[in-house]
Amino acid sequence: MSSYEKPDSWSLRARGEGYPARSVYKLKEMDEKFRLFRPGQNYRVLDLGASPGSWSLYVLRRYGNLKLLAAADMLPLSRRFDRGLFDRDNFFFIRGDFSSAPVKEELARRGPYGTIISDAAPDTSGTRSVDALRSLALAEEALAYAGAYLAPGGNLALKVFQGGDTAKLFKRLKEGFLGARAFKPAACRRGSFEIYYIGLGKKDLRETGGQGGRPA
């Protein structure tokens, strides 16, 4: 059993509190620090790379009166802890590759979104340079979603593995948002090279004429 398969204190805490994975505490810390979610009338959230479902569960439990939470992943969501939350009318899940046209169409017609979150990660090869490139591709796709489907003033949080050309990705984030942060939550595993890029307040392109992310 690898160290990533062994449950640690974060994983055990997550299960005890009704979440399938430790990642919930990463989102919780980022939300508390940066106020990622600001629910109001017609507020919608998009969760990319949602499986096994901890981030979606956090949003539904913390902001249950939101208009819609849409989520996508190639893997199914765990139903162990949701207690019917994933059956509610304000939750939509599509199983598939969120970079594919059919999935994009389904998610696009349910937007625009006030917040987009992405904890998407590639299948790892064990070679850091390869894994970093694969992660970068997913992060770029998440930023493209923000450019196309995130409402002006909205927030974005995405995961990326450090390495590769992440500096260019962060530069584009700064160009598209009023504020940009790089942040590593306490619940990240020791030795992990993942980091989260956070965009706060998407710029209104109608006013700035800028390029707030690469449209899909």
N, C-alpha and C. Protein backbone atom coordinates (compact mmCIF):
# COMPACT_ATOMS: atom_id res chain seq x y z
N MET A 1 0.85 -1.21 0.00
CA MET A 1 0.00 0.00 0.00
C MET A 1 0.87 1.23 0.00
N SER A 2 0.64 2.16 -0.94
CA SER A 2 1.42 3.38 -1.01
C SER A 2 0.98 4.34 0.07
N SER A 3 1.81 5.36 0.32
CA SER A 3 1.47 6.34 1.35
C SER A 3 0.21 7.10 0.98
N TYR A 4 -0.06 7.23 -0.35
CA TYR A 4 -1.27 7.93 -0.78
C TYR A 4 -2.52 7.09 -0.53
N GLU A 5 -2.37 5.78 -0.33
CA GLU A 5 -3.51 4.92 -0.10
C GLU A 5 -3.79 4.76 1.40
N LYS A 6 -2.80 5.05 2.24
CA LYS A 6 -2.98 4.91 3.67
C LYS A 6 -3.79 6.09 4.21
N PRO A 7 -4.86 5.84 4.94
CA PRO A 7 -5.63 6.95 5.51
C PRO A 7 -4.84 7.65 6.61
N ASP A 8 -4.71 8.95 6.51
CA ASP A 8 -4.03 9.72 7.54
C ASP A 8 -5.08 10.45 8.37
N SER A 9 -4.64 11.36 9.23
CA SER A 9 -5.58 12.03 10.13
C SER A 9 -6.61 12.86 9.36
N TRP A 10 -6.17 13.48 8.25
CA TRP A 10 -7.11 14.27 7.44
C TRP A 10 -8.17 13.37 6.82
N SER A 11 -7.74 12.24 6.27
CA SER A 11 -8.68 11.32 5.62
C SER A 11 -9.66 10.74 6.63
N LEU A 12 -9.15 10.36 7.79
CA LEU A 12 -10.02 9.80 8.82
C LEU A 12 -11.01 10.85 9.33
N ARG A 13 -10.55 12.07 9.46
CA ARG A 13 -11.44 13.16 9.88
C ARG A 13 -12.55 13.37 8.85
N ALA A 14 -12.16 13.34 7.56
CA ALA A 14 -13.14 13.54 6.49
C ALA A 14 -14.24 12.48 6.56
N ARG A 15 -13.85 11.25 6.70
CA ARG A 15 -14.84 10.17 6.76
C ARG A 15 -15.72 10.31 7.99
N GLY A 16 -15.11 10.72 9.09
CA GLY A 16 -15.89 10.90 10.31
C GLY A 16 -16.90 12.03 10.20
N GLU A 17 -16.58 13.02 9.37
CA GLU A 17 -17.48 14.16 9.20
C GLU A 17 -18.35 14.03 7.95
N GLY A 18 -18.29 12.87 7.31
CA GLY A 18 -19.22 12.61 6.20
C GLY A 18 -18.76 13.07 4.84
N TYR A 19 -17.46 12.98 4.58
CA TYR A 19 -16.93 13.33 3.27
C TYR A 19 -16.05 12.18 2.77
N PRO A 20 -16.07 11.90 1.47
CA PRO A 20 -15.29 10.77 0.96
C PRO A 20 -13.80 11.01 0.86
N ALA A 21 -13.34 12.26 0.94
CA ALA A 21 -11.92 12.52 0.76
C ALA A 21 -11.47 13.74 1.55
N ARG A 22 -10.19 13.78 1.86
CA ARG A 22 -9.56 14.86 2.62
C ARG A 22 -9.61 16.20 1.89
N SER A 23 -9.82 16.17 0.60
CA SER A 23 -9.80 17.39 -0.21
C SER A 23 -10.81 18.42 0.26
N VAL A 24 -11.84 18.00 1.01
CA VAL A 24 -12.83 18.94 1.50
C VAL A 24 -12.19 20.04 2.34
N TYR A 25 -11.12 19.70 3.09
CA TYR A 25 -10.50 20.69 3.96
C TYR A 25 -9.65 21.70 3.19
N LYS A 26 -9.21 21.31 2.01
CA LYS A 26 -8.52 22.26 1.14
C LYS A 26 -9.49 23.34 0.68
N LEU A 27 -10.67 22.89 0.22
CA LEU A 27 -11.67 23.85 -0.24
C LEU A 27 -12.17 24.70 0.92
N LYS A 28 -12.41 24.08 2.05
CA LYS A 28 -12.91 24.82 3.22
C LYS A 28 -11.93 25.93 3.61
N GLU A 29 -10.64 25.62 3.64
CA GLU A 29 -9.66 26.63 4.01
C GLU A 29 -9.61 27.76 3.00
N MET A 30 -9.65 27.41 1.72
CA MET A 30 -9.62 28.45 0.68
C MET A 30 -10.87 29.32 0.74
N ASP A 31 -12.01 28.71 0.99
CA ASP A 31 -13.26 29.47 1.07
C ASP A 31 -13.23 30.43 2.26
N GLU A 32 -12.76 29.94 3.40
CA GLU A 32 -12.72 30.79 4.58
C GLU A 32 -11.71 31.92 4.44
N LYS A 33 -10.64 31.66 3.71
CA LYS A 33 -9.59 32.68 3.56
C LYS A 33 -9.91 33.69 2.46
N PHE A 34 -10.51 33.20 1.36
CA PHE A 34 -10.68 34.06 0.18
C PHE A 34 -12.15 34.33 -0.18
N ARG A 35 -13.08 33.75 0.58
CA ARG A 35 -14.52 33.94 0.29
C ARG A 35 -14.83 33.60 -1.17
N LEU A 36 -14.60 32.36 -1.50
CA LEU A 36 -14.81 31.91 -2.87
C LEU A 36 -16.28 31.96 -3.29
N PHE A 37 -17.15 31.72 -2.32
CA PHE A 37 -18.57 31.62 -2.63
C PHE A 37 -19.32 32.80 -2.01
N ARG A 38 -20.15 33.43 -2.82
CA ARG A 38 -20.93 34.58 -2.36
C ARG A 38 -22.36 34.43 -2.84
N PRO A 39 -23.09 33.48 -2.25
CA PRO A 39 -24.43 33.16 -2.76
C PRO A 39 -25.38 34.35 -2.74
N GLY A 40 -26.21 34.38 -3.72
CA GLY A 40 -27.26 35.38 -3.83
C GLY A 40 -28.32 34.82 -4.75
N GLN A 41 -29.21 35.65 -5.19
CA GLN A 41 -30.27 35.20 -6.09
C GLN A 41 -29.67 34.65 -7.38
N ASN A 42 -30.11 33.48 -7.77
CA ASN A 42 -29.69 32.85 -9.02
C ASN A 42 -28.21 32.45 -9.03
N TYR A 43 -27.63 32.22 -7.84
CA TYR A 43 -26.20 31.89 -7.74
C TYR A 43 -25.94 30.45 -8.18
N ARG A 44 -24.93 30.29 -9.04
CA ARG A 44 -24.61 28.99 -9.60
C ARG A 44 -23.11 28.71 -9.43
N VAL A 45 -22.79 27.44 -9.18
CA VAL A 45 -21.41 27.00 -8.99
C VAL A 45 -21.13 25.84 -9.93
N LEU A 46 -19.90 25.79 -10.44
CA LEU A 46 -19.46 24.70 -11.30
C LEU A 46 -18.26 24.01 -10.66
N ASP A 47 -18.34 22.68 -10.52
CA ASP A 47 -17.29 21.87 -9.91
C ASP A 47 -16.73 20.93 -10.97
N LEU A 48 -15.50 21.19 -11.41
CA LEU A 48 -14.84 20.39 -12.44
C LEU A 48 -13.91 19.37 -11.79
N GLY A 49 -13.95 18.13 -12.27
CA GLY A 49 -13.15 17.09 -11.63
C GLY A 49 -13.71 16.76 -10.26
N ALA A 50 -15.02 16.57 -10.19
CA ALA A 50 -15.73 16.54 -8.92
C ALA A 50 -15.59 15.24 -8.13
N SER A 51 -15.31 14.12 -8.78
CA SER A 51 -15.23 12.84 -8.07
C SER A 51 -14.08 12.83 -7.04
N PRO A 52 -14.30 12.24 -5.87
CA PRO A 52 -15.45 11.45 -5.43
C PRO A 52 -16.62 12.25 -4.88
N GLY A 53 -16.50 13.57 -4.79
CA GLY A 53 -17.64 14.39 -4.42
C GLY A 53 -17.51 15.25 -3.20
N SER A 54 -16.33 15.30 -2.58
CA SER A 54 -16.18 16.07 -1.35
C SER A 54 -16.44 17.56 -1.55
N TRP A 55 -15.92 18.12 -2.65
CA TRP A 55 -16.12 19.55 -2.88
C TRP A 55 -17.58 19.87 -3.14
N SER A 56 -18.25 19.04 -3.90
CA SER A 56 -19.68 19.26 -4.16
C SER A 56 -20.48 19.17 -2.86
N LEU A 57 -20.14 18.18 -2.03
CA LEU A 57 -20.85 18.05 -0.76
C LEU A 57 -20.64 19.27 0.13
N TYR A 58 -19.41 19.78 0.16
CA TYR A 58 -19.13 20.98 0.95
C TYR A 58 -20.02 22.14 0.50
N VAL A 59 -20.08 22.36 -0.81
CA VAL A 59 -20.87 23.48 -1.33
C VAL A 59 -22.35 23.29 -1.02
N LEU A 60 -22.87 22.10 -1.22
CA LEU A 60 -24.29 21.85 -0.97
C LEU A 60 -24.64 21.99 0.50
N ARG A 61 -23.75 21.57 1.38
CA ARG A 61 -24.02 21.68 2.81
C ARG A 61 -23.84 23.11 3.33
N ARG A 62 -22.84 23.78 2.84
CA ARG A 62 -22.54 25.13 3.33
C ARG A 62 -23.43 26.19 2.67
N TYR A 63 -23.79 25.97 1.40
CA TYR A 63 -24.57 26.95 0.65
C TYR A 63 -25.75 26.25 -0.02
N GLY A 64 -26.55 25.59 0.77
CA GLY A 64 -27.62 24.74 0.26
C GLY A 64 -28.71 25.45 -0.51
N ASN A 65 -28.83 26.79 -0.34
CA ASN A 65 -29.90 27.51 -1.01
C ASN A 65 -29.47 28.07 -2.35
N LEU A 66 -28.31 27.65 -2.87
CA LEU A 66 -27.88 28.17 -4.16
C LEU A 66 -28.81 27.66 -5.25
N LYS A 67 -28.83 28.38 -6.37
CA LYS A 67 -29.70 28.03 -7.49
C LYS A 67 -29.29 26.70 -8.10
N LEU A 68 -27.99 26.50 -8.33
CA LEU A 68 -27.53 25.27 -8.97
C LEU A 68 -26.06 25.03 -8.68
N LEU A 69 -25.73 23.77 -8.43
CA LEU A 69 -24.36 23.30 -8.45
C LEU A 69 -24.26 22.27 -9.56
N ALA A 70 -23.48 22.57 -10.58
CA ALA A 70 -23.23 21.63 -11.67
C ALA A 70 -21.84 21.04 -11.48
N ALA A 71 -21.69 19.75 -11.76
CA ALA A 71 -20.43 19.06 -11.54
C ALA A 71 -20.16 18.09 -12.67
N ALA A 72 -18.86 17.83 -12.92
CA ALA A 72 -18.48 16.92 -13.99
C ALA A 72 -17.24 16.15 -13.61
N ASP A 73 -17.18 14.91 -14.01
CA ASP A 73 -15.99 14.08 -13.83
C ASP A 73 -16.14 12.83 -14.69
N MET A 74 -15.01 12.24 -15.06
CA MET A 74 -15.04 10.98 -15.80
C MET A 74 -15.39 9.80 -14.89
N LEU A 75 -15.21 9.98 -13.59
CA LEU A 75 -15.53 8.94 -12.62
C LEU A 75 -16.82 9.29 -11.89
N PRO A 76 -17.52 8.30 -11.35
CA PRO A 76 -18.76 8.58 -10.64
C PRO A 76 -18.51 9.22 -9.28
N LEU A 77 -19.54 9.81 -8.73
CA LEU A 77 -19.48 10.36 -7.38
C LEU A 77 -19.79 9.27 -6.37
N SER A 78 -19.16 9.36 -5.22
CA SER A 78 -19.47 8.44 -4.13
C SER A 78 -20.83 8.83 -3.53
N ARG A 79 -21.68 7.83 -3.32
CA ARG A 79 -22.98 8.09 -2.70
C ARG A 79 -22.99 7.69 -1.23
N ARG A 80 -21.82 7.43 -0.68
CA ARG A 80 -21.73 6.92 0.69
C ARG A 80 -22.18 7.94 1.73
N PHE A 81 -21.90 9.24 1.45
CA PHE A 81 -22.12 10.26 2.47
C PHE A 81 -23.14 11.33 2.10
N ASP A 82 -23.68 11.30 0.88
CA ASP A 82 -24.45 12.48 0.43
C ASP A 82 -25.85 12.57 1.04
N ARG A 83 -26.41 11.46 1.52
CA ARG A 83 -27.72 11.45 2.18
C ARG A 83 -28.78 12.18 1.35
N GLY A 84 -28.76 11.92 0.05
CA GLY A 84 -29.78 12.46 -0.83
C GLY A 84 -29.47 13.81 -1.42
N LEU A 85 -28.38 14.45 -1.01
CA LEU A 85 -28.06 15.78 -1.54
C LEU A 85 -27.83 15.75 -3.05
N PHE A 86 -27.26 14.66 -3.54
CA PHE A 86 -27.00 14.57 -4.98
C PHE A 86 -28.26 14.28 -5.79
N ASP A 87 -29.38 14.07 -5.11
CA ASP A 87 -30.66 13.86 -5.80
C ASP A 87 -31.50 15.12 -5.86
N ARG A 88 -31.03 16.19 -5.27
CA ARG A 88 -31.83 17.42 -5.23
C ARG A 88 -31.88 18.10 -6.60
N ASP A 89 -32.91 18.91 -6.77
CA ASP A 89 -33.11 19.59 -8.05
C ASP A 89 -32.03 20.61 -8.34
N ASN A 90 -31.36 21.11 -7.30
CA ASN A 90 -30.34 22.14 -7.53
C ASN A 90 -28.94 21.54 -7.71
N PHE A 91 -28.87 20.24 -7.97
CA PHE A 91 -27.58 19.59 -8.26
C PHE A 91 -27.67 18.85 -9.58
N PHE A 92 -26.65 19.06 -10.42
CA PHE A 92 -26.57 18.38 -11.71
C PHE A 92 -25.18 17.80 -11.88
N PHE A 93 -25.11 16.51 -12.19
CA PHE A 93 -23.82 15.86 -12.43
C PHE A 93 -23.82 15.21 -13.80
N ILE A 94 -22.74 15.44 -14.54
CA ILE A 94 -22.56 14.77 -15.83
C ILE A 94 -21.25 13.99 -15.78
N ARG A 95 -21.32 12.73 -16.14
CA ARG A 95 -20.13 11.90 -16.16
C ARG A 95 -19.51 11.95 -17.55
N GLY A 96 -18.28 12.44 -17.61
CA GLY A 96 -17.60 12.55 -18.88
C GLY A 96 -16.40 13.47 -18.78
N ASP A 97 -15.69 13.59 -19.86
CA ASP A 97 -14.50 14.44 -19.96
C ASP A 97 -14.93 15.89 -20.11
N PHE A 98 -14.60 16.73 -19.14
CA PHE A 98 -15.10 18.11 -19.22
C PHE A 98 -14.42 18.95 -20.30
N SER A 99 -13.43 18.36 -20.98
CA SER A 99 -12.85 19.06 -22.13
C SER A 99 -13.56 18.69 -23.43
N SER A 100 -14.49 17.75 -23.39
CA SER A 100 -15.19 17.32 -24.59
C SER A 100 -16.36 18.24 -24.90
N ALA A 101 -16.69 18.36 -26.17
CA ALA A 101 -17.76 19.26 -26.60
C ALA A 101 -19.12 18.93 -25.99
N PRO A 102 -19.54 17.67 -25.93
CA PRO A 102 -20.86 17.38 -25.35
C PRO A 102 -20.98 17.80 -23.88
N VAL A 103 -19.93 17.57 -23.10
CA VAL A 103 -19.96 17.96 -21.69
C VAL A 103 -19.96 19.49 -21.57
N LYS A 104 -19.15 20.14 -22.37
CA LYS A 104 -19.12 21.61 -22.35
C LYS A 104 -20.49 22.19 -22.66
N GLU A 105 -21.17 21.61 -23.64
CA GLU A 105 -22.49 22.12 -24.01
C GLU A 105 -23.48 21.99 -22.87
N GLU A 106 -23.45 20.85 -22.18
CA GLU A 106 -24.37 20.65 -21.06
C GLU A 106 -24.09 21.63 -19.93
N LEU A 107 -22.81 21.86 -19.64
CA LEU A 107 -22.45 22.76 -18.55
C LEU A 107 -22.66 24.22 -18.94
N ALA A 108 -22.39 24.54 -20.19
CA ALA A 108 -22.53 25.93 -20.64
C ALA A 108 -23.98 26.40 -20.55
N ARG A 109 -24.90 25.54 -20.91
CA ARG A 109 -26.30 25.98 -20.93
C ARG A 109 -26.90 26.11 -19.53
N ARG A 110 -26.16 25.65 -18.54
CA ARG A 110 -26.62 25.80 -17.16
C ARG A 110 -25.96 26.98 -16.46
N GLY A 111 -25.07 27.67 -17.13
CA GLY A 111 -24.40 28.83 -16.57
C GLY A 111 -25.16 30.10 -16.89
N PRO A 112 -24.54 31.27 -16.70
CA PRO A 112 -23.17 31.46 -16.21
C PRO A 112 -23.08 31.18 -14.71
N TYR A 113 -21.83 31.01 -14.26
CA TYR A 113 -21.56 30.62 -12.88
C TYR A 113 -20.93 31.76 -12.09
N GLY A 114 -21.25 31.79 -10.80
CA GLY A 114 -20.65 32.79 -9.92
C GLY A 114 -19.30 32.35 -9.40
N THR A 115 -19.10 31.03 -9.32
CA THR A 115 -17.83 30.46 -8.88
C THR A 115 -17.57 29.17 -9.65
N ILE A 116 -16.33 28.99 -10.08
CA ILE A 116 -15.90 27.74 -10.69
C ILE A 116 -14.76 27.18 -9.85
N ILE A 117 -14.86 25.90 -9.50
CA ILE A 117 -13.81 25.24 -8.72
C ILE A 117 -13.35 24.00 -9.47
N SER A 118 -12.07 23.70 -9.39
CA SER A 118 -11.53 22.52 -10.07
C SER A 118 -10.44 21.88 -9.22
N ASP A 119 -10.69 20.65 -8.81
CA ASP A 119 -9.70 19.85 -8.11
C ASP A 119 -9.22 18.72 -9.02
N ALA A 120 -9.40 18.91 -10.33
CA ALA A 120 -9.09 17.87 -11.31
C ALA A 120 -7.59 17.56 -11.30
N ALA A 121 -7.29 16.27 -11.36
CA ALA A 121 -5.90 15.82 -11.40
C ALA A 121 -5.79 14.66 -12.39
N PRO A 122 -4.67 14.54 -13.08
CA PRO A 122 -4.51 13.46 -14.04
C PRO A 122 -4.15 12.15 -13.36
N ASP A 123 -4.29 11.05 -14.09
CA ASP A 123 -3.72 9.79 -13.62
C ASP A 123 -2.20 9.99 -13.60
N THR A 124 -1.59 9.74 -12.46
CA THR A 124 -0.17 10.03 -12.33
C THR A 124 0.69 8.88 -12.85
N SER A 125 1.81 9.25 -13.44
CA SER A 125 2.74 8.28 -14.02
C SER A 125 3.91 7.98 -13.10
N GLY A 126 4.12 8.87 -12.11
CA GLY A 126 5.29 8.73 -11.25
C GLY A 126 6.46 9.57 -11.72
N THR A 127 6.34 10.10 -12.93
CA THR A 127 7.36 11.00 -13.47
C THR A 127 6.86 12.43 -13.32
N ARG A 128 7.54 13.21 -12.49
CA ARG A 128 7.01 14.52 -12.13
C ARG A 128 6.80 15.43 -13.34
N SER A 129 7.72 15.44 -14.28
CA SER A 129 7.60 16.33 -15.43
C SER A 129 6.38 15.97 -16.29
N VAL A 130 6.13 14.67 -16.45
CA VAL A 130 4.98 14.21 -17.23
C VAL A 130 3.68 14.56 -16.50
N ASP A 131 3.64 14.29 -15.21
CA ASP A 131 2.43 14.57 -14.44
C ASP A 131 2.14 16.07 -14.39
N ALA A 132 3.19 16.89 -14.31
CA ALA A 132 3.00 18.34 -14.28
C ALA A 132 2.39 18.83 -15.58
N LEU A 133 2.82 18.29 -16.71
CA LEU A 133 2.27 18.69 -18.01
C LEU A 133 0.81 18.28 -18.13
N ARG A 134 0.50 17.08 -17.67
CA ARG A 134 -0.89 16.62 -17.72
C ARG A 134 -1.79 17.46 -16.83
N SER A 135 -1.28 17.80 -15.65
CA SER A 135 -2.04 18.65 -14.74
C SER A 135 -2.24 20.04 -15.33
N LEU A 136 -1.21 20.56 -15.97
CA LEU A 136 -1.30 21.88 -16.57
C LEU A 136 -2.40 21.92 -17.63
N ALA A 137 -2.53 20.86 -18.40
CA ALA A 137 -3.57 20.81 -19.43
C ALA A 137 -4.96 20.89 -18.80
N LEU A 138 -5.16 20.22 -17.67
CA LEU A 138 -6.44 20.28 -16.98
C LEU A 138 -6.69 21.68 -16.40
N ALA A 139 -5.64 22.27 -15.84
CA ALA A 139 -5.77 23.61 -15.27
C ALA A 139 -6.09 24.63 -16.36
N GLU A 140 -5.47 24.49 -17.51
CA GLU A 140 -5.75 25.40 -18.62
C GLU A 140 -7.21 25.26 -19.07
N GLU A 141 -7.72 24.03 -19.05
CA GLU A 141 -9.11 23.82 -19.42
C GLU A 141 -10.04 24.49 -18.42
N ALA A 142 -9.70 24.39 -17.13
CA ALA A 142 -10.51 25.06 -16.11
C ALA A 142 -10.49 26.57 -16.29
N LEU A 143 -9.33 27.11 -16.63
CA LEU A 143 -9.24 28.55 -16.87
C LEU A 143 -10.03 28.94 -18.12
N ALA A 144 -10.06 28.06 -19.10
CA ALA A 144 -10.87 28.32 -20.29
C ALA A 144 -12.35 28.37 -19.95
N TYR A 145 -12.78 27.48 -19.07
CA TYR A 145 -14.17 27.52 -18.60
C TYR A 145 -14.47 28.86 -17.95
N ALA A 146 -13.54 29.33 -17.14
CA ALA A 146 -13.74 30.62 -16.48
C ALA A 146 -13.87 31.74 -17.50
N GLY A 147 -13.04 31.69 -18.54
CA GLY A 147 -13.11 32.71 -19.57
C GLY A 147 -14.45 32.72 -20.29
N ALA A 148 -15.02 31.53 -20.47
CA ALA A 148 -16.25 31.42 -21.25
C ALA A 148 -17.52 31.45 -20.41
N TYR A 149 -17.50 30.86 -19.21
CA TYR A 149 -18.76 30.61 -18.49
C TYR A 149 -18.82 31.21 -17.09
N LEU A 150 -17.77 31.89 -16.65
CA LEU A 150 -17.79 32.53 -15.33
C LEU A 150 -18.29 33.96 -15.49
N ALA A 151 -19.26 34.33 -14.66
CA ALA A 151 -19.83 35.68 -14.75
C ALA A 151 -18.82 36.72 -14.29
N PRO A 152 -18.91 37.95 -14.81
CA PRO A 152 -18.05 39.03 -14.33
C PRO A 152 -18.19 39.18 -12.82
N GLY A 153 -17.05 39.33 -12.14
CA GLY A 153 -17.05 39.42 -10.69
C GLY A 153 -16.94 38.08 -10.00
N GLY A 154 -17.02 36.99 -10.78
CA GLY A 154 -16.97 35.65 -10.21
C GLY A 154 -15.57 35.22 -9.81
N ASN A 155 -15.51 34.11 -9.06
CA ASN A 155 -14.24 33.60 -8.54
C ASN A 155 -13.91 32.23 -9.11
N LEU A 156 -12.62 31.92 -9.12
CA LEU A 156 -12.12 30.66 -9.66
C LEU A 156 -11.07 30.09 -8.71
N ALA A 157 -11.12 28.78 -8.49
CA ALA A 157 -10.05 28.08 -7.76
C ALA A 157 -9.74 26.80 -8.51
N LEU A 158 -8.48 26.62 -8.89
CA LEU A 158 -8.10 25.43 -9.65
C LEU A 158 -6.80 24.86 -9.12
N LYS A 159 -6.66 23.54 -9.26
CA LYS A 159 -5.44 22.86 -8.83
C LYS A 159 -4.49 22.67 -10.00
N VAL A 160 -3.21 22.80 -9.72
CA VAL A 160 -2.20 22.53 -10.73
C VAL A 160 -0.96 21.97 -10.04
N PHE A 161 -0.27 21.05 -10.70
CA PHE A 161 0.98 20.53 -10.17
C PHE A 161 2.11 21.49 -10.53
N GLN A 162 2.92 21.84 -9.57
CA GLN A 162 4.02 22.77 -9.81
C GLN A 162 5.03 22.14 -10.77
N GLY A 163 5.51 22.96 -11.68
CA GLY A 163 6.42 22.49 -12.71
C GLY A 163 5.85 22.86 -14.06
N GLY A 164 6.59 22.56 -15.11
CA GLY A 164 6.09 22.91 -16.43
C GLY A 164 6.01 24.41 -16.60
N ASP A 165 4.96 24.86 -17.27
CA ASP A 165 4.83 26.29 -17.58
C ASP A 165 3.72 26.93 -16.76
N THR A 166 3.69 26.67 -15.47
CA THR A 166 2.64 27.21 -14.64
C THR A 166 2.74 28.74 -14.50
N ALA A 167 3.91 29.29 -14.72
CA ALA A 167 4.06 30.75 -14.62
C ALA A 167 3.20 31.46 -15.65
N LYS A 168 3.12 30.90 -16.86
CA LYS A 168 2.28 31.50 -17.90
C LYS A 168 0.81 31.38 -17.54
N LEU A 169 0.44 30.25 -16.95
CA LEU A 169 -0.94 30.07 -16.51
C LEU A 169 -1.31 31.11 -15.45
N PHE A 170 -0.42 31.32 -14.50
CA PHE A 170 -0.69 32.29 -13.45
C PHE A 170 -0.74 33.71 -14.01
N LYS A 171 0.07 33.99 -15.00
CA LYS A 171 0.04 35.30 -15.64
C LYS A 171 -1.31 35.56 -16.29
N ARG A 172 -1.85 34.54 -16.96
CA ARG A 172 -3.17 34.68 -17.57
C ARG A 172 -4.25 34.86 -16.52
N LEU A 173 -4.08 34.19 -15.38
CA LEU A 173 -5.03 34.35 -14.28
C LEU A 173 -5.02 35.80 -13.80
N LYS A 174 -3.85 36.37 -13.63
CA LYS A 174 -3.74 37.77 -13.18
C LYS A 174 -4.34 38.73 -14.19
N GLU A 175 -4.23 38.40 -15.46
CA GLU A 175 -4.79 39.27 -16.51
C GLU A 175 -6.31 39.24 -16.52
N GLY A 176 -6.89 38.11 -16.10
CA GLY A 176 -8.33 37.96 -16.19
C GLY A 176 -9.10 38.28 -14.93
N PHE A 177 -8.39 38.45 -13.80
CA PHE A 177 -9.07 38.68 -12.53
C PHE A 177 -8.49 39.90 -11.81
N LEU A 178 -9.30 40.50 -10.97
CA LEU A 178 -8.84 41.65 -10.21
C LEU A 178 -7.80 41.26 -9.18
N GLY A 179 -7.90 40.02 -8.69
CA GLY A 179 -6.92 39.51 -7.73
C GLY A 179 -6.55 38.09 -8.08
N ALA A 180 -5.30 37.71 -7.85
CA ALA A 180 -4.83 36.36 -8.13
C ALA A 180 -3.92 35.91 -6.99
N ARG A 181 -4.09 34.67 -6.57
CA ARG A 181 -3.30 34.12 -5.47
C ARG A 181 -2.83 32.71 -5.81
N ALA A 182 -1.67 32.36 -5.29
CA ALA A 182 -1.20 30.98 -5.30
C ALA A 182 -1.22 30.52 -3.84
N PHE A 183 -1.83 29.39 -3.57
CA PHE A 183 -2.07 29.00 -2.18
C PHE A 183 -1.96 27.49 -2.03
N LYS A 184 -1.33 27.05 -0.94
CA LYS A 184 -1.21 25.64 -0.64
C LYS A 184 -1.90 25.36 0.70
N PRO A 185 -3.07 24.73 0.67
CA PRO A 185 -3.80 24.47 1.92
C PRO A 185 -3.05 23.50 2.84
N ALA A 186 -3.37 23.58 4.10
CA ALA A 186 -2.70 22.74 5.09
C ALA A 186 -2.98 21.26 4.88
N ALA A 187 -4.12 20.92 4.27
CA ALA A 187 -4.49 19.52 4.09
C ALA A 187 -3.80 18.85 2.91
N CYS A 188 -2.97 19.57 2.16
CA CYS A 188 -2.19 18.93 1.10
C CYS A 188 -1.22 17.94 1.74
N ARG A 189 -1.01 16.84 1.07
CA ARG A 189 -0.11 15.83 1.61
C ARG A 189 1.32 16.35 1.66
N ARG A 190 2.06 15.89 2.65
CA ARG A 190 3.47 16.26 2.77
C ARG A 190 4.22 15.73 1.55
N GLY A 191 4.97 16.60 0.92
CA GLY A 191 5.71 16.20 -0.26
C GLY A 191 4.94 16.38 -1.56
N SER A 192 3.65 16.71 -1.47
CA SER A 192 2.86 16.94 -2.68
C SER A 192 3.32 18.20 -3.38
N PHE A 193 3.34 18.19 -4.72
CA PHE A 193 3.71 19.39 -5.45
C PHE A 193 2.49 20.05 -6.08
N GLU A 194 1.31 19.79 -5.51
CA GLU A 194 0.11 20.48 -5.98
C GLU A 194 0.03 21.85 -5.33
N ILE A 195 -0.59 22.77 -6.05
CA ILE A 195 -0.85 24.11 -5.53
C ILE A 195 -2.15 24.58 -6.15
N TYR A 196 -2.78 25.56 -5.51
CA TYR A 196 -4.05 26.06 -6.01
C TYR A 196 -3.88 27.51 -6.44
N TYR A 197 -4.38 27.80 -7.63
CA TYR A 197 -4.42 29.16 -8.15
C TYR A 197 -5.84 29.69 -7.97
N ILE A 198 -5.94 30.86 -7.43
CA ILE A 198 -7.24 31.45 -7.10
C ILE A 198 -7.38 32.79 -7.80
N GLY A 199 -8.44 32.92 -8.56
CA GLY A 199 -8.76 34.18 -9.22
C GLY A 199 -9.97 34.81 -8.55
N LEU A 200 -9.85 36.04 -8.11
CA LEU A 200 -10.91 36.72 -7.38
C LEU A 200 -11.42 37.92 -8.17
N GLY A 201 -12.69 37.90 -8.50
CA GLY A 201 -13.30 39.00 -9.22
C GLY A 201 -12.95 39.01 -10.69
N LYS A 202 -13.61 38.18 -11.47
CA LYS A 202 -13.33 38.15 -12.91
C LYS A 202 -13.61 39.52 -13.52
N LYS A 203 -12.67 39.98 -14.32
CA LYS A 203 -12.83 41.27 -14.97
C LYS A 203 -13.95 41.21 -16.01
N ASP A 204 -14.65 42.32 -16.13
CA ASP A 204 -15.71 42.42 -17.13
C ASP A 204 -15.07 42.80 -18.46
N LEU A 205 -15.03 41.88 -19.39
CA LEU A 205 -14.34 42.13 -20.66
C LEU A 205 -15.01 43.23 -21.46
N ARG A 206 -16.29 43.45 -21.20
CA ARG A 206 -16.96 44.53 -21.93
C ARG A 206 -16.42 45.88 -21.53
N GLU A 207 -15.86 45.95 -20.31
CA GLU A 207 -15.31 47.21 -19.82
C GLU A 207 -13.82 47.31 -20.08
N THR A 208 -13.10 46.15 -19.93
CA THR A 208 -11.65 46.19 -20.04
C THR A 208 -11.13 45.90 -21.43
N GLY A 209 -11.93 45.13 -22.21
CA GLY A 209 -11.45 44.74 -23.53
C GLY A 209 -10.34 43.74 -23.47
N GLY A 210 -10.15 43.10 -22.28
CA GLY A 210 -9.04 42.17 -22.10
C GLY A 210 -9.39 40.76 -22.49
N GLN A 211 -8.49 39.84 -22.12
CA GLN A 211 -8.65 38.43 -22.42
C GLN A 211 -8.70 37.66 -21.10
N GLY A 212 -9.87 37.57 -20.49
CA GLY A 212 -10.03 36.94 -19.20
C GLY A 212 -10.09 35.44 -19.28
N GLY A 213 -9.04 34.83 -19.77
CA GLY A 213 -9.06 33.38 -19.95
C GLY A 213 -9.27 33.05 -21.40
N ARG A 214 -8.97 31.86 -21.80
CA ARG A 214 -9.09 31.45 -23.19
C ARG A 214 -10.45 30.82 -23.43
N PRO A 215 -11.34 31.44 -24.20
CA PRO A 215 -12.66 30.88 -24.43
C PRO A 215 -12.58 29.47 -25.00
N ALA A 216 -13.56 28.63 -24.60
CA ALA A 216 -13.59 27.25 -25.08
C ALA A 216 -14.10 27.20 -26.52
